[in-house]
Amino acid sequence: AHAVISYSIDLSAPEHHLARVEAHFPAVDGKDFKVNLPVWR
């Protein structure tokens, strides 16, 4: 019914183990929004 969540990661300059990550969450309601990164794999 709505756009999907999308992730992108820029790995164009990888020499120093660095990247830029972007996460797009569409249609967030007016409430505070929480994002998590797992604490284990």
Full PDB file with SEQRES, HELIX, SHEET, SSBOND, CRYST1, ORIGX, SCALE, CONECT and MASTER records, all heavy atoms in Angstrom:
SEQRES   1 A   41  ALA HIS ALA VAL ILE SER TYR SER ILE ASP LEU SER ALA          
SEQRES   2 A   41  PRO GLU HIS HIS LEU ALA ARG VAL GLU ALA HIS PHE PRO          
SEQRES   3 A   41  ALA VAL ASP GLY LYS ASP PHE LYS VAL ASN LEU PRO VAL          
SEQRES   4 A   41  TRP ARG                                                      
SHEET    1 AA1 2 SER A   6  ASP A  10  0                                        
SHEET    2 AA1 2 ARG A  20  HIS A  24 -1                                        
CRYST1    1.000    1.000    1.000  90.00  90.00  90.00 P 1           1          
ORIGX1      1.000000  0.000000  0.000000        0.00000                         
ORIGX2      0.000000  1.000000  0.000000        0.00000                         
ORIGX3      0.000000  0.000000  1.000000        0.00000                         
SCALE1      1.000000  0.000000  0.000000        0.00000                         
SCALE2      0.000000  1.000000  0.000000        0.00000                         
SCALE3      0.000000  0.000000  1.000000        0.00000                         
ATOM      1  N   ALA A   1       0.821  -1.216   0.000  1.00  0.00           N  
ATOM      2  CA  ALA A   1       0.000   0.000   0.000  1.00  0.00           C  
ATOM      3  C   ALA A   1       0.852   1.261   0.000  1.00  0.00           C  
ATOM      4  O   ALA A   1       0.363   2.331  -0.356  1.00  0.00           O  
ATOM      5  CB  ALA A   1      -0.925  -0.011   1.220  1.00  0.00           C  
ATOM      6  N   HIS A   2       2.115   1.177   0.379  1.00  0.00           N  
ATOM      7  CA  HIS A   2       2.955   2.369   0.431  1.00  0.00           C  
ATOM      8  C   HIS A   2       4.366   1.989   0.024  1.00  0.00           C  
ATOM      9  O   HIS A   2       4.691   0.808  -0.172  1.00  0.00           O  
ATOM     10  CB  HIS A   2       2.949   2.981   1.845  1.00  0.00           C  
ATOM     11  CG  HIS A   2       3.204   1.983   2.929  1.00  0.00           C  
ATOM     12  ND1 HIS A   2       4.438   1.449   3.181  1.00  0.00           N  
ATOM     13  CD2 HIS A   2       2.338   1.393   3.811  1.00  0.00           C  
ATOM     14  CE1 HIS A   2       4.365   0.589   4.183  1.00  0.00           C  
ATOM     15  NE2 HIS A   2       3.101   0.523   4.580  1.00  0.00           N  
ATOM     16  N   ALA A   3       5.208   2.997  -0.129  1.00  0.00           N  
ATOM     17  CA  ALA A   3       6.577   2.763  -0.569  1.00  0.00           C  
ATOM     18  C   ALA A   3       7.316   1.897   0.431  1.00  0.00           C  
ATOM     19  O   ALA A   3       7.027   1.887   1.626  1.00  0.00           O  
ATOM     20  CB  ALA A   3       7.283   4.108  -0.750  1.00  0.00           C  
ATOM     21  N   VAL A   4       8.288   1.158  -0.087  1.00  0.00           N  
ATOM     22  CA  VAL A   4       9.047   0.256   0.768  1.00  0.00           C  
ATOM     23  C   VAL A   4      10.181   0.994   1.446  1.00  0.00           C  
ATOM     24  O   VAL A   4      10.619   2.062   1.018  1.00  0.00           O  
ATOM     25  CB  VAL A   4       9.614  -0.918  -0.049  1.00  0.00           C  
ATOM     26  CG1 VAL A   4       8.500  -1.712  -0.692  1.00  0.00           C  
ATOM     27  CG2 VAL A   4      10.599  -0.425  -1.097  1.00  0.00           C  
ATOM     28  N   ILE A   5      10.665   0.430   2.521  1.00  0.00           N  
ATOM     29  CA  ILE A   5      11.866   0.923   3.185  1.00  0.00           C  
ATOM     30  C   ILE A   5      13.040   0.702   2.244  1.00  0.00           C  
ATOM     31  O   ILE A   5      13.138  -0.330   1.583  1.00  0.00           O  
ATOM     32  CB  ILE A   5      12.086   0.191   4.515  1.00  0.00           C  
ATOM     33  CG1 ILE A   5      10.916   0.472   5.467  1.00  0.00           C  
ATOM     34  CG2 ILE A   5      13.409   0.556   5.145  1.00  0.00           C  
ATOM     35  CD1 ILE A   5      10.885  -0.431   6.692  1.00  0.00           C  
ATOM     36  N   SER A   6      13.928   1.665   2.174  1.00  0.00           N  
ATOM     37  CA  SER A   6      15.081   1.519   1.282  1.00  0.00           C  
ATOM     38  C   SER A   6      16.365   1.871   2.018  1.00  0.00           C  
ATOM     39  O   SER A   6      16.413   2.806   2.824  1.00  0.00           O  
ATOM     40  CB  SER A   6      14.925   2.402   0.046  1.00  0.00           C  
ATOM     41  OG  SER A   6      14.875   3.775   0.398  1.00  0.00           O  
ATOM     42  N   TYR A   7      17.387   1.077   1.723  1.00  0.00           N  
ATOM     43  CA  TYR A   7      18.717   1.313   2.279  1.00  0.00           C  
ATOM     44  C   TYR A   7      19.689   1.551   1.136  1.00  0.00           C  
ATOM     45  O   TYR A   7      19.567   0.966   0.052  1.00  0.00           O  
ATOM     46  CB  TYR A   7      19.200   0.088   3.064  1.00  0.00           C  
ATOM     47  CG  TYR A   7      18.402  -0.242   4.307  1.00  0.00           C  
ATOM     48  CD1 TYR A   7      17.368  -1.167   4.260  1.00  0.00           C  
ATOM     49  CD2 TYR A   7      18.710   0.362   5.520  1.00  0.00           C  
ATOM     50  CE1 TYR A   7      16.653  -1.491   5.406  1.00  0.00           C  
ATOM     51  CE2 TYR A   7      18.005   0.041   6.678  1.00  0.00           C  
ATOM     52  CZ  TYR A   7      16.973  -0.883   6.610  1.00  0.00           C  
ATOM     53  OH  TYR A   7      16.269  -1.197   7.746  1.00  0.00           O  
ATOM     54  N   SER A   8      20.673   2.368   1.390  1.00  0.00           N  
ATOM     55  CA  SER A   8      21.766   2.532   0.438  1.00  0.00           C  
ATOM     56  C   SER A   8      23.064   2.658   1.221  1.00  0.00           C  
ATOM     57  O   SER A   8      23.083   3.133   2.360  1.00  0.00           O  
ATOM     58  CB  SER A   8      21.552   3.771  -0.443  1.00  0.00           C  
ATOM     59  OG  SER A   8      21.556   4.953   0.347  1.00  0.00           O  
ATOM     60  N   ILE A   9      24.142   2.211   0.616  1.00  0.00           N  
ATOM     61  CA  ILE A   9      25.450   2.316   1.246  1.00  0.00           C  
ATOM     62  C   ILE A   9      26.471   2.701   0.186  1.00  0.00           C  
ATOM     63  O   ILE A   9      26.541   2.080  -0.885  1.00  0.00           O  
ATOM     64  CB  ILE A   9      25.834   1.006   1.967  1.00  0.00           C  
ATOM     65  CG1 ILE A   9      27.206   1.138   2.637  1.00  0.00           C  
ATOM     66  CG2 ILE A   9      25.773  -0.189   1.032  1.00  0.00           C  
ATOM     67  CD1 ILE A   9      27.512   0.011   3.620  1.00  0.00           C  
ATOM     68  N   ASP A  10      27.203   3.741   0.469  1.00  0.00           N  
ATOM     69  CA  ASP A  10      28.222   4.252  -0.444  1.00  0.00           C  
ATOM     70  C   ASP A  10      29.572   3.656  -0.071  1.00  0.00           C  
ATOM     71  O   ASP A  10      30.144   3.988   0.970  1.00  0.00           O  
ATOM     72  CB  ASP A  10      28.253   5.785  -0.359  1.00  0.00           C  
ATOM     73  CG  ASP A  10      29.151   6.411  -1.413  1.00  0.00           C  
ATOM     74  OD1 ASP A  10      29.987   5.683  -2.003  1.00  0.00           O  
ATOM     75  OD2 ASP A  10      29.032   7.629  -1.651  1.00  0.00           O  
ATOM     76  N   LEU A  11      30.069   2.784  -0.950  1.00  0.00           N  
ATOM     77  CA  LEU A  11      31.348   2.114  -0.727  1.00  0.00           C  
ATOM     78  C   LEU A  11      32.407   2.594  -1.725  1.00  0.00           C  
ATOM     79  O   LEU A  11      33.398   1.914  -1.968  1.00  0.00           O  
ATOM     80  CB  LEU A  11      31.174   0.598  -0.884  1.00  0.00           C  
ATOM     81  CG  LEU A  11      30.218  -0.072   0.110  1.00  0.00           C  
ATOM     82  CD1 LEU A  11      29.775  -1.435  -0.420  1.00  0.00           C  
ATOM     83  CD2 LEU A  11      30.871  -0.216   1.470  1.00  0.00           C  
ATOM     84  N   SER A  12      32.208   3.782  -2.278  1.00  0.00           N  
ATOM     85  CA  SER A  12      33.066   4.251  -3.366  1.00  0.00           C  
ATOM     86  C   SER A  12      34.459   4.659  -2.910  1.00  0.00           C  
ATOM     87  O   SER A  12      35.364   4.813  -3.737  1.00  0.00           O  
ATOM     88  CB  SER A  12      32.400   5.430  -4.091  1.00  0.00           C  
ATOM     89  OG  SER A  12      32.123   6.488  -3.183  1.00  0.00           O  
ATOM     90  N   ALA A  13      34.673   4.853  -1.619  1.00  0.00           N  
ATOM     91  CA  ALA A  13      36.004   5.189  -1.090  1.00  0.00           C  
ATOM     92  C   ALA A  13      36.290   4.285   0.101  1.00  0.00           C  
ATOM     93  O   ALA A  13      36.228   4.713   1.258  1.00  0.00           O  
ATOM     94  CB  ALA A  13      36.069   6.662  -0.693  1.00  0.00           C  
ATOM     95  N   PRO A  14      36.617   3.001  -0.156  1.00  0.00           N  
ATOM     96  CA  PRO A  14      36.672   2.007   0.918  1.00  0.00           C  
ATOM     97  C   PRO A  14      38.013   1.870   1.626  1.00  0.00           C  
ATOM     98  O   PRO A  14      38.131   1.065   2.544  1.00  0.00           O  
ATOM     99  CB  PRO A  14      36.358   0.719   0.165  1.00  0.00           C  
ATOM    100  CG  PRO A  14      36.983   0.933  -1.177  1.00  0.00           C  
ATOM    101  CD  PRO A  14      36.815   2.397  -1.487  1.00  0.00           C  
ATOM    102  N   GLU A  15      39.022   2.622   1.222  1.00  0.00           N  
ATOM    103  CA  GLU A  15      40.384   2.374   1.692  1.00  0.00           C  
ATOM    104  C   GLU A  15      40.531   2.405   3.201  1.00  0.00           C  
ATOM    105  O   GLU A  15      41.337   1.672   3.782  1.00  0.00           O  
ATOM    106  CB  GLU A  15      41.361   3.381   1.065  1.00  0.00           C  
ATOM    107  CG  GLU A  15      41.533   3.218  -0.443  1.00  0.00           C  
ATOM    108  CD  GLU A  15      40.425   3.912  -1.223  1.00  0.00           C  
ATOM    109  OE1 GLU A  15      39.544   4.557  -0.582  1.00  0.00           O  
ATOM    110  OE2 GLU A  15      40.409   3.805  -2.459  1.00  0.00           O  
ATOM    111  N   HIS A  16      39.787   3.261   3.872  1.00  0.00           N  
ATOM    112  CA  HIS A  16      39.930   3.433   5.318  1.00  0.00           C  
ATOM    113  C   HIS A  16      38.803   2.754   6.094  1.00  0.00           C  
ATOM    114  O   HIS A  16      38.485   3.153   7.215  1.00  0.00           O  
ATOM    115  CB  HIS A  16      40.016   4.917   5.670  1.00  0.00           C  
ATOM    116  CG  HIS A  16      41.196   5.604   5.056  1.00  0.00           C  
ATOM    117  ND1 HIS A  16      42.489   5.342   5.438  1.00  0.00           N  
ATOM    118  CD2 HIS A  16      41.275   6.507   4.046  1.00  0.00           C  
ATOM    119  CE1 HIS A  16      43.325   6.071   4.723  1.00  0.00           C  
ATOM    120  NE2 HIS A  16      42.617   6.783   3.862  1.00  0.00           N  
ATOM    121  N   HIS A  17      38.193   1.735   5.499  1.00  0.00           N  
ATOM    122  CA  HIS A  17      37.153   0.926   6.145  1.00  0.00           C  
ATOM    123  C   HIS A  17      35.880   1.728   6.431  1.00  0.00           C  
ATOM    124  O   HIS A  17      35.097   1.355   7.304  1.00  0.00           O  
ATOM    125  CB  HIS A  17      37.657   0.323   7.466  1.00  0.00           C  
ATOM    126  CG  HIS A  17      39.001  -0.314   7.377  1.00  0.00           C  
ATOM    127  ND1 HIS A  17      39.257  -1.410   6.594  1.00  0.00           N  
ATOM    128  CD2 HIS A  17      40.177   0.007   7.974  1.00  0.00           C  
ATOM    129  CE1 HIS A  17      40.531  -1.758   6.716  1.00  0.00           C  
ATOM    130  NE2 HIS A  17      41.108  -0.907   7.541  1.00  0.00           N  
ATOM    131  N   LEU A  18      35.657   2.813   5.677  1.00  0.00           N  
ATOM    132  CA  LEU A  18      34.522   3.689   5.949  1.00  0.00           C  
ATOM    133  C   LEU A  18      33.489   3.645   4.822  1.00  0.00           C  
ATOM    134  O   LEU A  18      33.828   3.439   3.651  1.00  0.00           O  
ATOM    135  CB  LEU A  18      34.986   5.131   6.136  1.00  0.00           C  
ATOM    136  CG  LEU A  18      35.904   5.409   7.331  1.00  0.00           C  
ATOM    137  CD1 LEU A  18      36.403   6.850   7.292  1.00  0.00           C  
ATOM    138  CD2 LEU A  18      35.169   5.131   8.640  1.00  0.00           C  
ATOM    139  N   ALA A  19      32.236   3.838   5.201  1.00  0.00           N  
ATOM    140  CA  ALA A  19      31.145   3.924   4.240  1.00  0.00           C  
ATOM    141  C   ALA A  19      30.098   4.889   4.782  1.00  0.00           C  
ATOM    142  O   ALA A  19      30.104   5.243   5.975  1.00  0.00           O  
ATOM    143  CB  ALA A  19      30.521   2.561   3.992  1.00  0.00           C  
ATOM    144  N   ARG A  20      29.212   5.334   3.902  1.00  0.00           N  
ATOM    145  CA  ARG A  20      28.086   6.168   4.324  1.00  0.00           C  
ATOM    146  C   ARG A  20      26.811   5.387   4.091  1.00  0.00           C  
ATOM    147  O   ARG A  20      26.553   4.880   2.998  1.00  0.00           O  
ATOM    148  CB  ARG A  20      28.053   7.473   3.534  1.00  0.00           C  
ATOM    149  CG  ARG A  20      27.035   8.491   4.059  1.00  0.00           C  
ATOM    150  CD  ARG A  20      27.467   9.080   5.381  1.00  0.00           C  
ATOM    151  NE  ARG A  20      26.414   9.908   5.991  1.00  0.00           N  
ATOM    152  CZ  ARG A  20      26.510  10.475   7.180  1.00  0.00           C  
ATOM    153  NH1 ARG A  20      27.637  10.309   7.885  1.00  0.00           N  
ATOM    154  NH2 ARG A  20      25.539  11.192   7.686  1.00  0.00           N  
ATOM    155  N   VAL A  21      26.001   5.222   5.153  1.00  0.00           N  
ATOM    156  CA  VAL A  21      24.768   4.444   5.102  1.00  0.00           C  
ATOM    157  C   VAL A  21      23.576   5.382   5.187  1.00  0.00           C  
ATOM    158  O   VAL A  21      23.584   6.352   5.960  1.00  0.00           O  
ATOM    159  CB  VAL A  21      24.708   3.419   6.252  1.00  0.00           C  
ATOM    160  CG1 VAL A  21      23.398   2.636   6.216  1.00  0.00           C  
ATOM    161  CG2 VAL A  21      25.907   2.476   6.189  1.00  0.00           C  
ATOM    162  N   GLU A  22      22.562   5.066   4.393  1.00  0.00           N  
ATOM    163  CA  GLU A  22      21.317   5.838   4.460  1.00  0.00           C  
ATOM    164  C   GLU A  22      20.149   4.875   4.513  1.00  0.00           C  
ATOM    165  O   GLU A  22      20.107   3.878   3.780  1.00  0.00           O  
ATOM    166  CB  GLU A  22      21.197   6.746   3.235  1.00  0.00           C  
ATOM    167  CG  GLU A  22      19.986   7.662   3.267  1.00  0.00           C  
ATOM    168  CD  GLU A  22      20.002   8.661   2.131  1.00  0.00           C  
ATOM    169  OE1 GLU A  22      20.780   9.641   2.220  1.00  0.00           O  
ATOM    170  OE2 GLU A  22      19.269   8.447   1.144  1.00  0.00           O  
ATOM    171  N   ALA A  23      19.220   5.154   5.415  1.00  0.00           N  
ATOM    172  CA  ALA A  23      18.014   4.332   5.559  1.00  0.00           C  
ATOM    173  C   ALA A  23      16.801   5.243   5.451  1.00  0.00           C  
ATOM    174  O   ALA A  23      16.657   6.198   6.230  1.00  0.00           O  
ATOM    175  CB  ALA A  23      18.009   3.608   6.903  1.00  0.00           C  
ATOM    176  N   HIS A  24      15.940   4.952   4.476  1.00  0.00           N  
ATOM    177  CA  HIS A  24      14.764   5.787   4.228  1.00  0.00           C  
ATOM    178  C   HIS A  24      13.509   5.039   4.665  1.00  0.00           C  
ATOM    179  O   HIS A  24      13.213   3.949   4.166  1.00  0.00           O  
ATOM    180  CB  HIS A  24      14.678   6.147   2.748  1.00  0.00           C  
ATOM    181  CG  HIS A  24      13.491   7.004   2.416  1.00  0.00           C  
ATOM    182  ND1 HIS A  24      13.447   8.348   2.715  1.00  0.00           N  
ATOM    183  CD2 HIS A  24      12.307   6.702   1.825  1.00  0.00           C  
ATOM    184  CE1 HIS A  24      12.292   8.845   2.312  1.00  0.00           C  
ATOM    185  NE2 HIS A  24      11.577   7.861   1.768  1.00  0.00           N  
ATOM    186  N   PHE A  25      12.775   5.637   5.623  1.00  0.00           N  
ATOM    187  CA  PHE A  25      11.541   5.060   6.145  1.00  0.00           C  
ATOM    188  C   PHE A  25      10.375   5.943   5.704  1.00  0.00           C  
ATOM    189  O   PHE A  25      10.214   7.066   6.207  1.00  0.00           O  
ATOM    190  CB  PHE A  25      11.579   4.978   7.666  1.00  0.00           C  
ATOM    191  CG  PHE A  25      12.691   4.121   8.199  1.00  0.00           C  
ATOM    192  CD1 PHE A  25      13.930   4.674   8.511  1.00  0.00           C  
ATOM    193  CD2 PHE A  25      12.513   2.757   8.381  1.00  0.00           C  
ATOM    194  CE1 PHE A  25      14.956   3.894   9.002  1.00  0.00           C  
ATOM    195  CE2 PHE A  25      13.539   1.966   8.873  1.00  0.00           C  
ATOM    196  CZ  PHE A  25      14.772   2.534   9.177  1.00  0.00           C  
ATOM    197  N   PRO A  26       9.551   5.485   4.750  1.00  0.00           N  
ATOM    198  CA  PRO A  26       8.446   6.321   4.268  1.00  0.00           C  
ATOM    199  C   PRO A  26       7.262   6.341   5.235  1.00  0.00           C  
ATOM    200  O   PRO A  26       7.082   5.430   6.051  1.00  0.00           O  
ATOM    201  CB  PRO A  26       8.066   5.633   2.959  1.00  0.00           C  
ATOM    202  CG  PRO A  26       8.428   4.199   3.178  1.00  0.00           C  
ATOM    203  CD  PRO A  26       9.656   4.202   4.041  1.00  0.00           C  
ATOM    204  N   ALA A  27       6.493   7.400   5.146  1.00  0.00           N  
ATOM    205  CA  ALA A  27       5.203   7.505   5.827  1.00  0.00           C  
ATOM    206  C   ALA A  27       5.276   7.216   7.321  1.00  0.00           C  
ATOM    207  O   ALA A  27       4.575   6.355   7.855  1.00  0.00           O  
ATOM    208  CB  ALA A  27       4.186   6.583   5.155  1.00  0.00           C  
ATOM    209  N   VAL A  28       6.134   7.941   8.012  1.00  0.00           N  
ATOM    210  CA  VAL A  28       6.213   7.836   9.463  1.00  0.00           C  
ATOM    211  C   VAL A  28       5.132   8.746  10.059  1.00  0.00           C  
ATOM    212  O   VAL A  28       4.987   9.902   9.648  1.00  0.00           O  
ATOM    213  CB  VAL A  28       7.604   8.258   9.971  1.00  0.00           C  
ATOM    214  CG1 VAL A  28       7.645   8.295  11.490  1.00  0.00           C  
ATOM    215  CG2 VAL A  28       8.667   7.316   9.409  1.00  0.00           C  
ATOM    216  N   ASP A  29       4.363   8.237  11.018  1.00  0.00           N  
ATOM    217  CA  ASP A  29       3.314   9.063  11.618  1.00  0.00           C  
ATOM    218  C   ASP A  29       3.934  10.134  12.516  1.00  0.00           C  
ATOM    219  O   ASP A  29       5.162  10.253  12.615  1.00  0.00           O  
ATOM    220  CB  ASP A  29       2.302   8.200  12.385  1.00  0.00           C  
ATOM    221  CG  ASP A  29       2.952   7.385  13.497  1.00  0.00           C  
ATOM    222  OD1 ASP A  29       4.015   7.800  13.995  1.00  0.00           O  
ATOM    223  OD2 ASP A  29       2.388   6.335  13.865  1.00  0.00           O  
ATOM    224  N   GLY A  30       3.132  10.904  13.156  1.00  0.00           N  
ATOM    225  CA  GLY A  30       3.624  12.043  13.917  1.00  0.00           C  
ATOM    226  C   GLY A  30       4.226  11.702  15.261  1.00  0.00           C  
ATOM    227  O   GLY A  30       4.475  12.600  16.077  1.00  0.00           O  
ATOM    228  N   LYS A  31       4.462  10.440  15.528  1.00  0.00           N  
ATOM    229  CA  LYS A  31       5.013  10.048  16.819  1.00  0.00           C  
ATOM    230  C   LYS A  31       6.539   9.941  16.734  1.00  0.00           C  
ATOM    231  O   LYS A  31       7.105   9.828  15.655  1.00  0.00           O  
ATOM    232  CB  LYS A  31       4.418   8.713  17.265  1.00  0.00           C  
ATOM    233  CG  LYS A  31       2.901   8.728  17.426  1.00  0.00           C  
ATOM    234  CD  LYS A  31       2.377   7.350  17.800  1.00  0.00           C  
ATOM    235  CE  LYS A  31       0.868   7.339  17.895  1.00  0.00           C  
ATOM    236  NZ  LYS A  31       0.331   5.979  18.228  1.00  0.00           N  
ATOM    237  N   ASP A  32       7.175   9.954  17.900  1.00  0.00           N  
ATOM    238  CA  ASP A  32       8.623   9.757  17.915  1.00  0.00           C  
ATOM    239  C   ASP A  32       8.962   8.420  17.264  1.00  0.00           C  
ATOM    240  O   ASP A  32       8.220   7.439  17.380  1.00  0.00           O  
ATOM    241  CB  ASP A  32       9.159   9.798  19.338  1.00  0.00           C  
ATOM    242  CG  ASP A  32       9.180  11.220  19.901  1.00  0.00           C  
ATOM    243  OD1 ASP A  32       8.946  12.158  19.116  1.00  0.00           O  
ATOM    244  OD2 ASP A  32       9.421  11.375  21.105  1.00  0.00           O  
ATOM    245  N   PHE A  33      10.102   8.402  16.587  1.00  0.00           N  
ATOM    246  CA  PHE A  33      10.477   7.269  15.754  1.00  0.00           C  
ATOM    247  C   PHE A  33      11.796   6.683  16.255  1.00  0.00           C  
ATOM    248  O   PHE A  33      12.783   7.400  16.432  1.00  0.00           O  
ATOM    249  CB  PHE A  33      10.612   7.734  14.302  1.00  0.00           C  
ATOM    250  CG  PHE A  33      10.770   6.628  13.304  1.00  0.00           C  
ATOM    251  CD1 PHE A  33       9.704   5.785  12.995  1.00  0.00           C  
ATOM    252  CD2 PHE A  33      11.980   6.427  12.658  1.00  0.00           C  
ATOM    253  CE1 PHE A  33       9.837   4.777  12.056  1.00  0.00           C  
ATOM    254  CE2 PHE A  33      12.129   5.420  11.721  1.00  0.00           C  
ATOM    255  CZ  PHE A  33      11.052   4.586  11.417  1.00  0.00           C  
ATOM    256  N   LYS A  34      11.811   5.393  16.484  1.00  0.00           N  
ATOM    257  CA  LYS A  34      12.992   4.731  17.038  1.00  0.00           C  
ATOM    258  C   LYS A  34      13.654   3.873  15.979  1.00  0.00           C  
ATOM    259  O   LYS A  34      12.992   3.160  15.228  1.00  0.00           O  
ATOM    260  CB  LYS A  34      12.572   3.864  18.238  1.00  0.00           C  
ATOM    261  CG  LYS A  34      13.708   3.098  18.902  1.00  0.00           C  
ATOM    262  CD  LYS A  34      13.244   2.413  20.179  1.00  0.00           C  
ATOM    263  CE  LYS A  34      12.231   1.323  19.903  1.00  0.00           C  
ATOM    264  NZ  LYS A  34      11.863   0.582  21.136  1.00  0.00           N  
ATOM    265  N   VAL A  35      14.994   3.919  15.930  1.00  0.00           N  
ATOM    266  CA  VAL A  35      15.741   2.994  15.084  1.00  0.00           C  
ATOM    267  C   VAL A  35      16.768   2.278  15.945  1.00  0.00           C  
ATOM    268  O   VAL A  35      17.310   2.842  16.895  1.00  0.00           O  
ATOM    269  CB  VAL A  35      16.432   3.691  13.894  1.00  0.00           C  
ATOM    270  CG1 VAL A  35      15.401   4.252  12.932  1.00  0.00           C  
ATOM    271  CG2 VAL A  35      17.391   4.769  14.353  1.00  0.00           C  
ATOM    272  N   ASN A  36      17.005   1.031  15.598  1.00  0.00           N  
ATOM    273  CA  ASN A  36      17.935   0.187  16.357  1.00  0.00           C  
ATOM    274  C   ASN A  36      18.988  -0.420  15.442  1.00  0.00           C  
ATOM    275  O   ASN A  36      18.725  -0.688  14.265  1.00  0.00           O  
ATOM    276  CB  ASN A  36      17.191  -0.953  17.048  1.00  0.00           C  
ATOM    277  CG  ASN A  36      16.259  -0.471  18.133  1.00  0.00           C  
ATOM    278  OD1 ASN A  36      15.059  -0.329  17.914  1.00  0.00           O  
ATOM    279  ND2 ASN A  36      16.793  -0.229  19.307  1.00  0.00           N  
ATOM    280  N   LEU A  37      20.151  -0.644  16.006  1.00  0.00           N  
ATOM    281  CA  LEU A  37      21.150  -1.505  15.399  1.00  0.00           C  
ATOM    282  C   LEU A  37      21.299  -2.688  16.337  1.00  0.00           C  
ATOM    283  O   LEU A  37      21.452  -2.497  17.554  1.00  0.00           O  
ATOM    284  CB  LEU A  37      22.490  -0.791  15.235  1.00  0.00           C  
ATOM    285  CG  LEU A  37      23.512  -1.496  14.326  1.00  0.00           C  
ATOM    286  CD1 LEU A  37      23.041  -1.461  12.877  1.00  0.00           C  
ATOM    287  CD2 LEU A  37      24.884  -0.867  14.447  1.00  0.00           C  
ATOM    288  N   PRO A  38      21.220  -3.929  15.843  1.00  0.00           N  
ATOM    289  CA  PRO A  38      21.294  -5.092  16.731  1.00  0.00           C  
ATOM    290  C   PRO A  38      22.531  -5.065  17.622  1.00  0.00           C  
ATOM    291  O   PRO A  38      23.573  -4.515  17.247  1.00  0.00           O  
ATOM    292  CB  PRO A  38      21.345  -6.264  15.753  1.00  0.00           C  
ATOM    293  CG  PRO A  38      20.590  -5.782  14.557  1.00  0.00           C  
ATOM    294  CD  PRO A  38      20.959  -4.332  14.440  1.00  0.00           C  
ATOM    295  N   VAL A  39      22.404  -5.695  18.785  1.00  0.00           N  
ATOM    296  CA  VAL A  39      23.541  -5.786  19.704  1.00  0.00           C  
ATOM    297  C   VAL A  39      24.203  -7.157  19.613  1.00  0.00           C  
ATOM    298  O   VAL A  39      25.116  -7.466  20.369  1.00  0.00           O  
ATOM    299  CB  VAL A  39      23.109  -5.489  21.160  1.00  0.00           C  
ATOM    300  CG1 VAL A  39      22.540  -4.087  21.271  1.00  0.00           C  
ATOM    301  CG2 VAL A  39      22.106  -6.529  21.660  1.00  0.00           C  
ATOM    302  N   TRP A  40      23.753  -8.006  18.698  1.00  0.00           N  
ATOM    303  CA  TRP A  40      24.377  -9.294  18.425  1.00  0.00           C  
ATOM    304  C   TRP A  40      24.014  -9.674  17.007  1.00  0.00           C  
ATOM    305  O   TRP A  40      23.127  -9.086  16.397  1.00  0.00           O  
ATOM    306  CB  TRP A  40      23.934 -10.374  19.411  1.00  0.00           C  
ATOM    307  CG  TRP A  40      22.472 -10.748  19.362  1.00  0.00           C  
ATOM    308  CD1 TRP A  40      21.412 -10.016  19.845  1.00  0.00           C  
ATOM    309  CD2 TRP A  40      21.907 -11.934  18.780  1.00  0.00           C  
ATOM    310  NE1 TRP A  40      20.234 -10.674  19.617  1.00  0.00           N  
ATOM    311  CE2 TRP A  40      20.502 -11.856  18.963  1.00  0.00           C  
ATOM    312  CE3 TRP A  40      22.435 -13.050  18.140  1.00  0.00           C  
ATOM    313  CZ2 TRP A  40      19.631 -12.848  18.527  1.00  0.00           C  
ATOM    314  CZ3 TRP A  40      21.579 -14.042  17.703  1.00  0.00           C  
ATOM    315  CH2 TRP A  40      20.191 -13.936  17.899  1.00  0.00           C  
ATOM    316  N   ARG A  41      24.734 -10.648  16.490  1.00  0.00           N  
ATOM    317  CA  ARG A  41      24.396 -11.144  15.156  1.00  0.00           C  
ATOM    318  C   ARG A  41      24.030 -12.617  15.237  1.00  0.00           C  
ATOM    319  O   ARG A  41      24.493 -13.345  16.117  1.00  0.00           O  
ATOM    320  CB  ARG A  41      25.551 -10.935  14.179  1.00  0.00           C  
ATOM    321  CG  ARG A  41      26.786 -11.749  14.488  1.00  0.00           C  
ATOM    322  CD  ARG A  41      27.558 -12.051  13.213  1.00  0.00           C  
ATOM    323  NE  ARG A  41      28.827 -12.710  13.480  1.00  0.00           N  
ATOM    324  CZ  ARG A  41      28.985 -14.003  13.721  1.00  0.00           C  
ATOM    325  NH1 ARG A  41      27.916 -14.778  13.808  1.00  0.00           N  
ATOM    326  NH2 ARG A  41      30.184 -14.522  13.917  1.00  0.00           N  
TER     327      ARG A  41                                                      
MASTER        0    0    0    0    2    0    0    6  326    1    0    4          
END                                                                             
